[in-house]
Amino acid sequence: MDNIRQGIILKGVGGFYDVLDQEAGLVYTCKVRGVHRKSGGISPLPGDSVTFRVIDEKGLTGFIDVIGERKNEFARPPVANIDQLAIVLAVKSPEPDLSLADKLLITCEAKDISPLILINKIDLDEGGSAECIGRIYKKAGYRVILVSKVLDTGYDELHKELKGCKTAFAGQSGVGKSTILNRILNNWAMETGEVSERIQRGRHTTRHVQLFELDVGGFVLDTPGFSAYSVCDVEHTELASHYPEFRKVIGECRFTSCSHINEPGCRVRELVEKGKADAERYKRYVQYYRELKEAYDNRYRR
């Protein structure tokens, strides 16, 4: 039937959901059918692909009937189906939090999300910090882009990397996520009414999760809640497999149950000792492993 459409949820506030019909280029305000709620259906999240029924074409309203299968989901921030996470670090002001970056990278590996590292404020770099951090993560196999609003660099490369993906931005407060997102919204966001209103306000502020469609296809997600993060949904025994630089040698350790911390014949430690994997990143791995193992052990002591 003509009134049944496919769409993607851009945002949800107070039980109402903005659903984009990409084929028509229209945004409908939808509620969830009571039947769906009573049958124990999952709650809709921004990023969900949905089937919805148009009730009022002129008023652009409808009801969500079916929520598609999710690739991944987060409780905080509440969002689903992220394809890519842009992890923003600043060269300084604030000092780069590589521990947060590593935790987010582990989460990307665990939730089938492609990570992208943005090193921002490179105009403030006086001692080569940006290149140093970049080398650490490039060596580990990650994509890295150096960015600066002042130097007007990195944005064209970022634009290409956003193509066709649902990309969320994460990083500690003050690293410049809002500055980067403002540039994206002003230059490359599709001109729906909501986006136009946001752009014309001139200043980006984060209140709730929201998706904005891009001219290259895909979306950027305005996601409060990624500034502080802990490793979750990962067992200590699986942690090393979420490090790309470790994965290629894990099966070569002397012991199949190697924790890659104290055991003899550990190929991961050998990589670190030979300088083929970053020593500080490995130290953080040891810290996370011990935290996860302690949490695992405590489950059975209660």
C-alpha atoms as a PDB file:
ATOM      1  CA  MET A   1       0.000   0.000   0.000  1.00  0.00           C
ATOM      2  CA  ASP A   2       1.160   3.543  -0.769  1.00  0.00           C
ATOM      3  CA  ASN A   3       0.901   4.663   2.844  1.00  0.00           C
ATOM      4  CA  ILE A   4       3.422   2.046   4.067  1.00  0.00           C
ATOM      5  CA  ARG A   5       6.996   3.369   3.890  1.00  0.00           C
ATOM      6  CA  GLN A   6      10.549   2.469   4.870  1.00  0.00           C
ATOM      7  CA  GLY A   7      12.506   4.986   6.888  1.00  0.00           C
ATOM      8  CA  ILE A   8      15.211   5.697   9.429  1.00  0.00           C
ATOM      9  CA  ILE A   9      14.680   7.313  12.840  1.00  0.00           C
ATOM     10  CA  LEU A  10      16.544  10.616  13.107  1.00  0.00           C
ATOM     11  CA  LYS A  11      15.602  11.418  16.699  1.00  0.00           C
ATOM     12  CA  GLY A  12      13.063  10.655  19.394  1.00  0.00           C
ATOM     13  CA  VAL A  13      11.652  13.049  21.984  1.00  0.00           C
ATOM     14  CA  GLY A  14       8.753  12.388  24.358  1.00  0.00           C
ATOM     15  CA  GLY A  15       7.419   9.348  22.525  1.00  0.00           C
ATOM     16  CA  PHE A  16       7.480  11.055  19.116  1.00  0.00           C
ATOM     17  CA  TYR A  17      10.023  10.024  16.483  1.00  0.00           C
ATOM     18  CA  ASP A  18      11.249  11.911  13.436  1.00  0.00           C
ATOM     19  CA  VAL A  19      11.411   9.307  10.661  1.00  0.00           C
ATOM     20  CA  LEU A  20      13.120  10.100   7.351  1.00  0.00           C
ATOM     21  CA  ASP A  21      11.649   8.615   4.196  1.00  0.00           C
ATOM     22  CA  GLN A  22      14.874   8.817   2.160  1.00  0.00           C
ATOM     23  CA  GLU A  23      13.147   8.020  -1.117  1.00  0.00           C
ATOM     24  CA  ALA A  24      10.745  10.952  -0.752  1.00  0.00           C
ATOM     25  CA  GLY A  25      13.144  13.184   1.170  1.00  0.00           C
ATOM     26  CA  LEU A  26      10.473  13.873   3.784  1.00  0.00           C
ATOM     27  CA  VAL A  27      10.542  13.647   7.583  1.00  0.00           C
ATOM     28  CA  TYR A  28       7.431  12.275   9.309  1.00  0.00           C
ATOM     29  CA  THR A  29       6.568  12.617  12.993  1.00  0.00           C
ATOM     30  CA  CYS A  30       5.595   9.139  14.173  1.00  0.00           C
ATOM     31  CA  LYS A  31       4.445   7.348  17.297  1.00  0.00           C
ATOM     32  CA  VAL A  32       4.814   3.633  17.991  1.00  0.00           C
ATOM     33  CA  ARG A  33       1.715   1.492  17.580  1.00  0.00           C
ATOM     34  CA  GLY A  34       0.208   0.312  20.868  1.00  0.00           C
ATOM     35  CA  VAL A  35       0.166  -3.248  19.541  1.00  0.00           C
ATOM     36  CA  HIS A  36       3.952  -3.117  19.207  1.00  0.00           C
ATOM     37  CA  ARG A  37       4.362  -1.912  22.799  1.00  0.00           C
ATOM     38  CA  LYS A  38       1.933  -4.471  24.251  1.00  0.00           C
ATOM     39  CA  SER A  39       3.650  -7.349  22.456  1.00  0.00           C
ATOM     40  CA  GLY A  40       6.909  -6.552  24.263  1.00  0.00           C
ATOM     41  CA  GLY A  41       8.524  -4.911  21.249  1.00  0.00           C
ATOM     42  CA  ILE A  42      11.812  -3.100  21.632  1.00  0.00           C
ATOM     43  CA  SER A  43      11.760   0.666  22.042  1.00  0.00           C
ATOM     44  CA  PRO A  44      12.754   2.645  18.932  1.00  0.00           C
ATOM     45  CA  LEU A  45      16.163   4.319  18.874  1.00  0.00           C
ATOM     46  CA  PRO A  46      17.730   6.940  16.613  1.00  0.00           C
ATOM     47  CA  GLY A  47      19.448   5.016  13.829  1.00  0.00           C
ATOM     48  CA  ASP A  48      16.775   2.318  13.629  1.00  0.00           C
ATOM     49  CA  SER A  49      15.488   1.268  10.221  1.00  0.00           C
ATOM     50  CA  VAL A  50      11.706   1.066  10.438  1.00  0.00           C
ATOM     51  CA  THR A  51       8.559   0.321   8.494  1.00  0.00           C
ATOM     52  CA  PHE A  52       5.979   3.027   9.159  1.00  0.00           C
ATOM     53  CA  ARG A  53       2.458   3.829   8.060  1.00  0.00           C
ATOM     54  CA  VAL A  54       1.557   7.360   6.952  1.00  0.00           C
ATOM     55  CA  ILE A  55      -1.611   8.641   8.653  1.00  0.00           C
ATOM     56  CA  ASP A  56      -1.637  12.222   7.400  1.00  0.00           C
ATOM     57  CA  GLU A  57       0.396  12.967   4.271  1.00  0.00           C
ATOM     58  CA  LYS A  58      -0.200  16.690   4.475  1.00  0.00           C
ATOM     59  CA  GLY A  59       0.642  16.878   8.166  1.00  0.00           C
ATOM     60  CA  LEU A  60       3.553  14.405   7.772  1.00  0.00           C
ATOM     61  CA  THR A  61       2.483  12.114  10.614  1.00  0.00           C
ATOM     62  CA  GLY A  62       2.393   8.352  10.979  1.00  0.00           C
ATOM     63  CA  PHE A  63       2.875   5.234  13.115  1.00  0.00           C
ATOM     64  CA  ILE A  64       5.910   2.967  13.360  1.00  0.00           C
ATOM     65  CA  ASP A  65       4.889  -0.644  12.710  1.00  0.00           C
ATOM     66  CA  VAL A  66       8.168  -2.606  12.528  1.00  0.00           C
ATOM     67  CA  ILE A  67      11.674  -1.942  13.854  1.00  0.00           C
ATOM     68  CA  GLY A  68      14.359  -3.644  11.758  1.00  0.00           C
ATOM     69  CA  GLU A  69      17.072  -5.930  13.088  1.00  0.00           C
ATOM     70  CA  ARG A  70      19.912  -4.007  14.713  1.00  0.00           C
ATOM     71  CA  LYS A  71      23.606  -4.236  13.879  1.00  0.00           C
ATOM     72  CA  ASN A  72      24.465  -2.796  17.293  1.00  0.00           C
ATOM     73  CA  GLU A  73      22.930  -0.616  19.985  1.00  0.00           C
ATOM     74  CA  PHE A  74      23.919   1.503  22.961  1.00  0.00           C
ATOM     75  CA  ALA A  75      22.000   2.342  26.122  1.00  0.00           C
ATOM     76  CA  ARG A  76      24.074   5.477  26.726  1.00  0.00           C
ATOM     77  CA  PRO A  77      23.905   7.272  24.412  1.00  0.00           C
ATOM     78  CA  PRO A  78      20.662   5.664  23.201  1.00  0.00           C
ATOM     79  CA  VAL A  79      21.378   4.935  19.533  1.00  0.00           C
ATOM     80  CA  ALA A  80      21.410   1.972  17.152  1.00  0.00           C
ATOM     81  CA  ASN A  81      23.174   0.851  13.988  1.00  0.00           C
ATOM     82  CA  ILE A  82      26.327   2.961  14.178  1.00  0.00           C
ATOM     83  CA  ASP A  83      28.682   2.121  11.289  1.00  0.00           C
ATOM     84  CA  GLN A  84      31.582   4.371  12.207  1.00  0.00           C
ATOM     85  CA  LEU A  85      32.862   6.096  15.342  1.00  0.00           C
ATOM     86  CA  ALA A  86      35.017   9.201  14.888  1.00  0.00           C
ATOM     87  CA  ILE A  87      37.159   9.384  18.024  1.00  0.00           C
ATOM     88  CA  VAL A  88      38.346  12.965  18.502  1.00  0.00           C
ATOM     89  CA  LEU A  89      41.586  13.756  20.336  1.00  0.00           C
ATOM     90  CA  ALA A  90      43.102  17.219  20.796  1.00  0.00           C
ATOM     91  CA  VAL A  91      46.839  17.852  20.594  1.00  0.00           C
ATOM     92  CA  LYS A  92      46.433  19.999  23.731  1.00  0.00           C
ATOM     93  CA  SER A  93      43.767  21.929  25.651  1.00  0.00           C
ATOM     94  CA  PRO A  94      42.845  19.333  26.868  1.00  0.00           C
ATOM     95  CA  GLU A  95      45.736  16.903  26.820  1.00  0.00           C
ATOM     96  CA  PRO A  96      44.865  13.798  24.785  1.00  0.00           C
ATOM     97  CA  ASP A  97      43.121  11.068  26.772  1.00  0.00           C
ATOM     98  CA  LEU A  98      44.550   7.967  25.095  1.00  0.00           C
ATOM     99  CA  SER A  99      42.946   5.724  27.704  1.00  0.00           C
ATOM    100  CA  LEU A 100      39.478   6.883  26.640  1.00  0.00           C
ATOM    101  CA  ALA A 101      40.483   6.491  22.995  1.00  0.00           C
ATOM    102  CA  ASP A 102      41.604   2.889  23.580  1.00  0.00           C
ATOM    103  CA  LYS A 103      38.397   2.027  25.443  1.00  0.00           C
ATOM    104  CA  LEU A 104      36.339   3.403  22.582  1.00  0.00           C
ATOM    105  CA  LEU A 105      38.428   1.442  20.074  1.00  0.00           C
ATOM    106  CA  ILE A 106      37.804  -1.764  22.034  1.00  0.00           C
ATOM    107  CA  THR A 107      34.070  -1.004  21.981  1.00  0.00           C
ATOM    108  CA  CYS A 108      34.236  -0.478  18.213  1.00  0.00           C
ATOM    109  CA  GLU A 109      35.836  -3.904  17.782  1.00  0.00           C
ATOM    110  CA  ALA A 110      33.247  -5.524  20.049  1.00  0.00           C
ATOM    111  CA  LYS A 111      30.241  -3.902  18.351  1.00  0.00           C
ATOM    112  CA  ASP A 112      31.303  -4.156  14.694  1.00  0.00           C
ATOM    113  CA  ILE A 113      31.904  -0.421  14.289  1.00  0.00           C
ATOM    114  CA  SER A 114      34.619   0.999  12.058  1.00  0.00           C
ATOM    115  CA  PRO A 115      36.815   3.428  14.058  1.00  0.00           C
ATOM    116  CA  LEU A 116      38.272   6.667  12.711  1.00  0.00           C
ATOM    117  CA  ILE A 117      40.686   8.751  14.774  1.00  0.00           C
ATOM    118  CA  LEU A 118      40.656  12.540  14.402  1.00  0.00           C
ATOM    119  CA  ILE A 119      43.563  14.443  15.946  1.00  0.00           C
ATOM    120  CA  ASN A 120      42.249  17.984  16.292  1.00  0.00           C
ATOM    121  CA  LYS A 121      43.803  21.394  17.015  1.00  0.00           C
ATOM    122  CA  ILE A 122      47.052  20.531  15.218  1.00  0.00           C
ATOM    123  CA  ASP A 123      47.664  24.296  14.900  1.00  0.00           C
ATOM    124  CA  LEU A 124      48.567  24.157  18.622  1.00  0.00           C
ATOM    125  CA  ASP A 125      51.132  21.395  18.093  1.00  0.00           C
ATOM    126  CA  GLU A 126      54.612  22.597  19.003  1.00  0.00           C
ATOM    127  CA  GLY A 127      56.503  19.360  19.608  1.00  0.00           C
ATOM    128  CA  GLY A 128      55.210  16.916  17.007  1.00  0.00           C
ATOM    129  CA  SER A 129      52.579  15.393  19.305  1.00  0.00           C
ATOM    130  CA  ALA A 130      50.040  14.985  16.516  1.00  0.00           C
ATOM    131  CA  GLU A 131      52.411  12.940  14.351  1.00  0.00           C
ATOM    132  CA  CYS A 132      53.497  10.895  17.384  1.00  0.00           C
ATOM    133  CA  ILE A 133      49.919   9.989  18.356  1.00  0.00           C
ATOM    134  CA  GLY A 134      49.092   9.385  14.722  1.00  0.00           C
ATOM    135  CA  ARG A 135      51.962   6.901  14.377  1.00  0.00           C
ATOM    136  CA  ILE A 136      50.796   4.939  17.429  1.00  0.00           C
ATOM    137  CA  TYR A 137      47.357   4.332  15.977  1.00  0.00           C
ATOM    138  CA  LYS A 138      48.413   3.958  12.347  1.00  0.00           C
ATOM    139  CA  LYS A 139      50.855   1.256  13.485  1.00  0.00           C
ATOM    140  CA  ALA A 140      47.939  -0.485  15.179  1.00  0.00           C
ATOM    141  CA  GLY A 141      46.029  -0.423  11.887  1.00  0.00           C
ATOM    142  CA  TYR A 142      43.624   2.473  12.408  1.00  0.00           C
ATOM    143  CA  ARG A 143      42.735   5.345  10.085  1.00  0.00           C
ATOM    144  CA  VAL A 144      43.945   8.727  11.352  1.00  0.00           C
ATOM    145  CA  ILE A 145      43.132  12.244  10.125  1.00  0.00           C
ATOM    146  CA  LEU A 146      44.863  15.407  11.375  1.00  0.00           C
ATOM    147  CA  VAL A 147      42.376  18.266  11.684  1.00  0.00           C
ATOM    148  CA  SER A 148      42.506  21.997  12.324  1.00  0.00           C
ATOM    149  CA  LYS A 149      39.852  24.675  11.950  1.00  0.00           C
ATOM    150  CA  VAL A 150      42.542  27.393  12.088  1.00  0.00           C
ATOM    151  CA  LEU A 151      44.658  25.782   9.350  1.00  0.00           C
ATOM    152  CA  ASP A 152      41.551  24.592   7.477  1.00  0.00           C
ATOM    153  CA  THR A 153      43.000  21.116   7.103  1.00  0.00           C
ATOM    154  CA  GLY A 154      41.631  17.584   7.331  1.00  0.00           C
ATOM    155  CA  TYR A 155      38.015  18.387   6.516  1.00  0.00           C
ATOM    156  CA  ASP A 156      38.015  17.315   2.862  1.00  0.00           C
ATOM    157  CA  GLU A 157      39.530  13.971   3.863  1.00  0.00           C
ATOM    158  CA  LEU A 158      36.963  13.635   6.658  1.00  0.00           C
ATOM    159  CA  HIS A 159      34.138  14.368   4.206  1.00  0.00           C
ATOM    160  CA  LYS A 160      35.266  11.393   2.085  1.00  0.00           C
ATOM    161  CA  GLU A 161      35.437   9.111   5.118  1.00  0.00           C
ATOM    162  CA  LEU A 162      31.871   9.998   6.144  1.00  0.00           C
ATOM    163  CA  LYS A 163      30.429   8.805   2.817  1.00  0.00           C
ATOM    164  CA  GLY A 164      27.678   6.217   3.183  1.00  0.00           C
ATOM    165  CA  CYS A 165      28.163   5.690   6.938  1.00  0.00           C
ATOM    166  CA  LYS A 166      26.247   6.476  10.100  1.00  0.00           C
ATOM    167  CA  THR A 167      29.067   8.184  11.979  1.00  0.00           C
ATOM    168  CA  ALA A 168      29.004   9.148  15.659  1.00  0.00           C
ATOM    169  CA  PHE A 169      31.561  11.471  17.253  1.00  0.00           C
ATOM    170  CA  ALA A 170      33.183  10.766  20.604  1.00  0.00           C
ATOM    171  CA  GLY A 171      35.884  12.249  22.794  1.00  0.00           C
ATOM    172  CA  GLN A 172      36.512  14.071  26.032  1.00  0.00           C
ATOM    173  CA  SER A 173      34.971  17.485  26.643  1.00  0.00           C
ATOM    174  CA  GLY A 174      36.779  20.355  24.944  1.00  0.00           C
ATOM    175  CA  VAL A 175      38.487  18.427  22.137  1.00  0.00           C
ATOM    176  CA  GLY A 176      36.456  20.235  19.470  1.00  0.00           C
ATOM    177  CA  LYS A 177      33.708  17.762  18.542  1.00  0.00           C
ATOM    178  CA  SER A 178      31.155  20.580  18.270  1.00  0.00           C
ATOM    179  CA  THR A 179      33.468  22.648  16.059  1.00  0.00           C
ATOM    180  CA  ILE A 180      33.950  19.711  13.708  1.00  0.00           C
ATOM    181  CA  LEU A 181      30.252  18.884  13.687  1.00  0.00           C
ATOM    182  CA  ASN A 182      29.338  22.520  12.992  1.00  0.00           C
ATOM    183  CA  ARG A 183      31.628  22.502   9.957  1.00  0.00           C
ATOM    184  CA  ILE A 184      29.999  19.295   8.701  1.00  0.00           C
ATOM    185  CA  LEU A 185      26.462  20.637   9.225  1.00  0.00           C
ATOM    186  CA  ASN A 186      27.220  23.951   7.544  1.00  0.00           C
ATOM    187  CA  ASN A 187      28.987  22.448   4.529  1.00  0.00           C
ATOM    188  CA  TRP A 188      27.576  18.996   3.867  1.00  0.00           C
ATOM    189  CA  ALA A 189      24.271  18.448   5.666  1.00  0.00           C
ATOM    190  CA  MET A 190      21.178  17.961   3.545  1.00  0.00           C
ATOM    191  CA  GLU A 191      18.730  20.852   3.737  1.00  0.00           C
ATOM    192  CA  THR A 192      15.834  19.357   5.666  1.00  0.00           C
ATOM    193  CA  GLY A 193      13.881  21.815   7.806  1.00  0.00           C
ATOM    194  CA  GLU A 194      15.410  20.575  11.046  1.00  0.00           C
ATOM    195  CA  VAL A 195      18.972  20.825   9.772  1.00  0.00           C
ATOM    196  CA  SER A 196      18.420  24.264   8.256  1.00  0.00           C
ATOM    197  CA  GLU A 197      17.080  25.535  11.562  1.00  0.00           C
ATOM    198  CA  ARG A 198      20.061  24.079  13.401  1.00  0.00           C
ATOM    199  CA  ILE A 199      22.584  25.553  10.968  1.00  0.00           C
ATOM    200  CA  GLN A 200      21.023  29.021  11.008  1.00  0.00           C
ATOM    201  CA  ARG A 201      21.294  29.160  14.771  1.00  0.00           C
ATOM    202  CA  GLY A 202      25.020  29.371  14.103  1.00  0.00           C
ATOM    203  CA  ARG A 203      26.122  27.403  17.091  1.00  0.00           C
ATOM    204  CA  HIS A 204      25.943  23.693  17.667  1.00  0.00           C
ATOM    205  CA  THR A 205      24.858  22.388  21.066  1.00  0.00           C
ATOM    206  CA  THR A 206      24.253  18.785  22.071  1.00  0.00           C
ATOM    207  CA  ARG A 207      20.937  18.013  23.795  1.00  0.00           C
ATOM    208  CA  HIS A 208      19.863  14.601  22.525  1.00  0.00           C
ATOM    209  CA  VAL A 209      20.889  11.982  19.997  1.00  0.00           C
ATOM    210  CA  GLN A 210      20.087  13.102  16.465  1.00  0.00           C
ATOM    211  CA  LEU A 211      21.042  12.011  12.948  1.00  0.00           C
ATOM    212  CA  PHE A 212      21.741  14.491  10.147  1.00  0.00           C
ATOM    213  CA  GLU A 213      21.772  13.335   6.525  1.00  0.00           C
ATOM    214  CA  LEU A 214      24.857  14.149   4.428  1.00  0.00           C
ATOM    215  CA  ASP A 215      25.234  15.109   0.782  1.00  0.00           C
ATOM    216  CA  VAL A 216      27.578  12.138   0.202  1.00  0.00           C
ATOM    217  CA  GLY A 217      25.071   9.669   1.622  1.00  0.00           C
ATOM    218  CA  GLY A 218      25.053   8.491   5.219  1.00  0.00           C
ATOM    219  CA  PHE A 219      24.543  10.448   8.408  1.00  0.00           C
ATOM    220  CA  VAL A 220      26.436  12.087  11.223  1.00  0.00           C
ATOM    221  CA  LEU A 221      25.130  11.502  14.722  1.00  0.00           C
ATOM    222  CA  ASP A 222      24.992  14.172  17.345  1.00  0.00           C
ATOM    223  CA  THR A 223      25.616  11.939  20.369  1.00  0.00           C
ATOM    224  CA  PRO A 224      25.925  13.241  23.911  1.00  0.00           C
ATOM    225  CA  GLY A 225      27.204  10.525  26.241  1.00  0.00           C
ATOM    226  CA  PHE A 226      30.417   9.311  24.628  1.00  0.00           C
ATOM    227  CA  SER A 227      32.713  11.710  26.531  1.00  0.00           C
ATOM    228  CA  ALA A 228      33.206   9.285  29.444  1.00  0.00           C
ATOM    229  CA  TYR A 229      33.335   5.598  28.734  1.00  0.00           C
ATOM    230  CA  SER A 230      34.371   2.281  30.229  1.00  0.00           C
ATOM    231  CA  VAL A 231      35.097  -1.050  28.581  1.00  0.00           C
ATOM    232  CA  CYS A 232      31.930  -3.106  28.614  1.00  0.00           C
ATOM    233  CA  ASP A 233      30.466  -6.179  26.948  1.00  0.00           C
ATOM    234  CA  VAL A 234      33.969  -7.656  26.691  1.00  0.00           C
ATOM    235  CA  GLU A 235      35.335 -10.617  28.652  1.00  0.00           C
ATOM    236  CA  HIS A 236      38.925 -10.425  29.864  1.00  0.00           C
ATOM    237  CA  THR A 237      39.714 -13.598  27.910  1.00  0.00           C
ATOM    238  CA  GLU A 238      38.618 -11.879  24.670  1.00  0.00           C
ATOM    239  CA  LEU A 239      40.226  -8.488  25.252  1.00  0.00           C
ATOM    240  CA  ALA A 240      43.440  -9.074  23.265  1.00  0.00           C
ATOM    241  CA  SER A 241      41.444 -10.089  20.182  1.00  0.00           C
ATOM    242  CA  HIS A 242      40.035  -6.545  20.105  1.00  0.00           C
ATOM    243  CA  TYR A 243      43.529  -5.131  19.455  1.00  0.00           C
ATOM    244  CA  PRO A 244      44.258  -5.349  15.693  1.00  0.00           C
ATOM    245  CA  GLU A 245      48.019  -5.276  16.244  1.00  0.00           C
ATOM    246  CA  PHE A 246      47.785  -8.255  18.642  1.00  0.00           C
ATOM    247  CA  ARG A 247      45.341 -10.391  16.647  1.00  0.00           C
ATOM    248  CA  LYS A 248      47.823 -11.567  14.043  1.00  0.00           C
ATOM    249  CA  VAL A 249      50.041 -13.290  16.645  1.00  0.00           C
ATOM    250  CA  ILE A 250      47.614 -14.360  19.403  1.00  0.00           C
ATOM    251  CA  GLY A 251      47.404 -17.928  18.107  1.00  0.00           C
ATOM    252  CA  GLU A 252      51.186 -18.255  18.141  1.00  0.00           C
ATOM    253  CA  CYS A 253      51.639 -17.908  21.923  1.00  0.00           C
ATOM    254  CA  ARG A 254      53.005 -20.965  23.755  1.00  0.00           C
ATOM    255  CA  PHE A 255      49.845 -21.268  25.851  1.00  0.00           C
ATOM    256  CA  THR A 256      46.388 -21.171  24.286  1.00  0.00           C
ATOM    257  CA  SER A 257      45.013 -19.438  27.400  1.00  0.00           C
ATOM    258  CA  CYS A 258      47.769 -16.800  27.411  1.00  0.00           C
ATOM    259  CA  SER A 259      46.752 -13.532  29.076  1.00  0.00           C
ATOM    260  CA  HIS A 260      49.687 -11.805  27.335  1.00  0.00           C
ATOM    261  CA  ILE A 261      50.914 -10.430  30.642  1.00  0.00           C
ATOM    262  CA  ASN A 262      53.243 -12.858  32.490  1.00  0.00           C
ATOM    263  CA  GLU A 263      53.360 -16.108  30.527  1.00  0.00           C
ATOM    264  CA  PRO A 264      56.566 -17.262  28.816  1.00  0.00           C
ATOM    265  CA  GLY A 265      56.509 -17.642  25.053  1.00  0.00           C
ATOM    266  CA  CYS A 266      53.993 -14.801  24.592  1.00  0.00           C
ATOM    267  CA  ARG A 267      54.079 -13.439  21.072  1.00  0.00           C
ATOM    268  CA  VAL A 268      52.165 -10.258  22.020  1.00  0.00           C
ATOM    269  CA  ARG A 269      54.818  -9.256  24.558  1.00  0.00           C
ATOM    270  CA  GLU A 270      57.456 -10.080  21.972  1.00  0.00           C
ATOM    271  CA  LEU A 271      55.818  -7.621  19.569  1.00  0.00           C
ATOM    272  CA  VAL A 272      55.976  -4.913  22.238  1.00  0.00           C
ATOM    273  CA  GLU A 273      59.579  -5.698  23.168  1.00  0.00           C
ATOM    274  CA  LYS A 274      60.618  -5.445  19.505  1.00  0.00           C
ATOM    275  CA  GLY A 275      58.819  -2.107  19.101  1.00  0.00           C
ATOM    276  CA  LYS A 276      56.261  -3.491  16.665  1.00  0.00           C
ATOM    277  CA  ALA A 277      53.406  -2.571  19.029  1.00  0.00           C
ATOM    278  CA  ASP A 278      53.206   0.546  21.189  1.00  0.00           C
ATOM    279  CA  ALA A 279      54.445  -0.030  24.763  1.00  0.00           C
ATOM    280  CA  GLU A 280      52.097   2.501  26.395  1.00  0.00           C
ATOM    281  CA  ARG A 281      49.079   1.096  24.575  1.00  0.00           C
ATOM    282  CA  TYR A 282      50.122  -2.367  25.801  1.00  0.00           C
ATOM    283  CA  LYS A 283      50.345  -1.065  29.394  1.00  0.00           C
ATOM    284  CA  ARG A 284      46.777   0.168  29.106  1.00  0.00           C
ATOM    285  CA  TYR A 285      45.771  -3.265  27.792  1.00  0.00           C
ATOM    286  CA  VAL A 286      47.235  -4.841  30.966  1.00  0.00           C
ATOM    287  CA  GLN A 287      45.276  -2.377  33.113  1.00  0.00           C
ATOM    288  CA  TYR A 288      41.990  -3.113  31.314  1.00  0.00           C
ATOM    289  CA  TYR A 289      42.622  -6.866  31.443  1.00  0.00           C
ATOM    290  CA  ARG A 290      43.086  -6.769  35.213  1.00  0.00           C
ATOM    291  CA  GLU A 291      39.989  -4.614  35.692  1.00  0.00           C
ATOM    292  CA  LEU A 292      37.862  -6.957  33.576  1.00  0.00           C
ATOM    293  CA  LYS A 293      39.249 -10.059  35.284  1.00  0.00           C
ATOM    294  CA  GLU A 294      38.566  -8.572  38.721  1.00  0.00           C
ATOM    295  CA  ALA A 295      34.990  -7.784  37.673  1.00  0.00           C
ATOM    296  CA  TYR A 296      34.632 -11.344  36.329  1.00  0.00           C
ATOM    297  CA  ASP A 297      35.996 -12.898  39.545  1.00  0.00           C
ATOM    298  CA  ASN A 298      33.752 -10.728  41.713  1.00  0.00           C
ATOM    299  CA  ARG A 299      30.641 -12.080  39.985  1.00  0.00           C
ATOM    300  CA  TYR A 300      31.176 -15.415  41.704  1.00  0.00           C
ATOM    301  CA  ARG A 301      32.193 -14.146  45.125  1.00  0.00           C
ATOM    302  CA  ARG A 302      28.794 -12.719  45.992  1.00  0.00           C
END
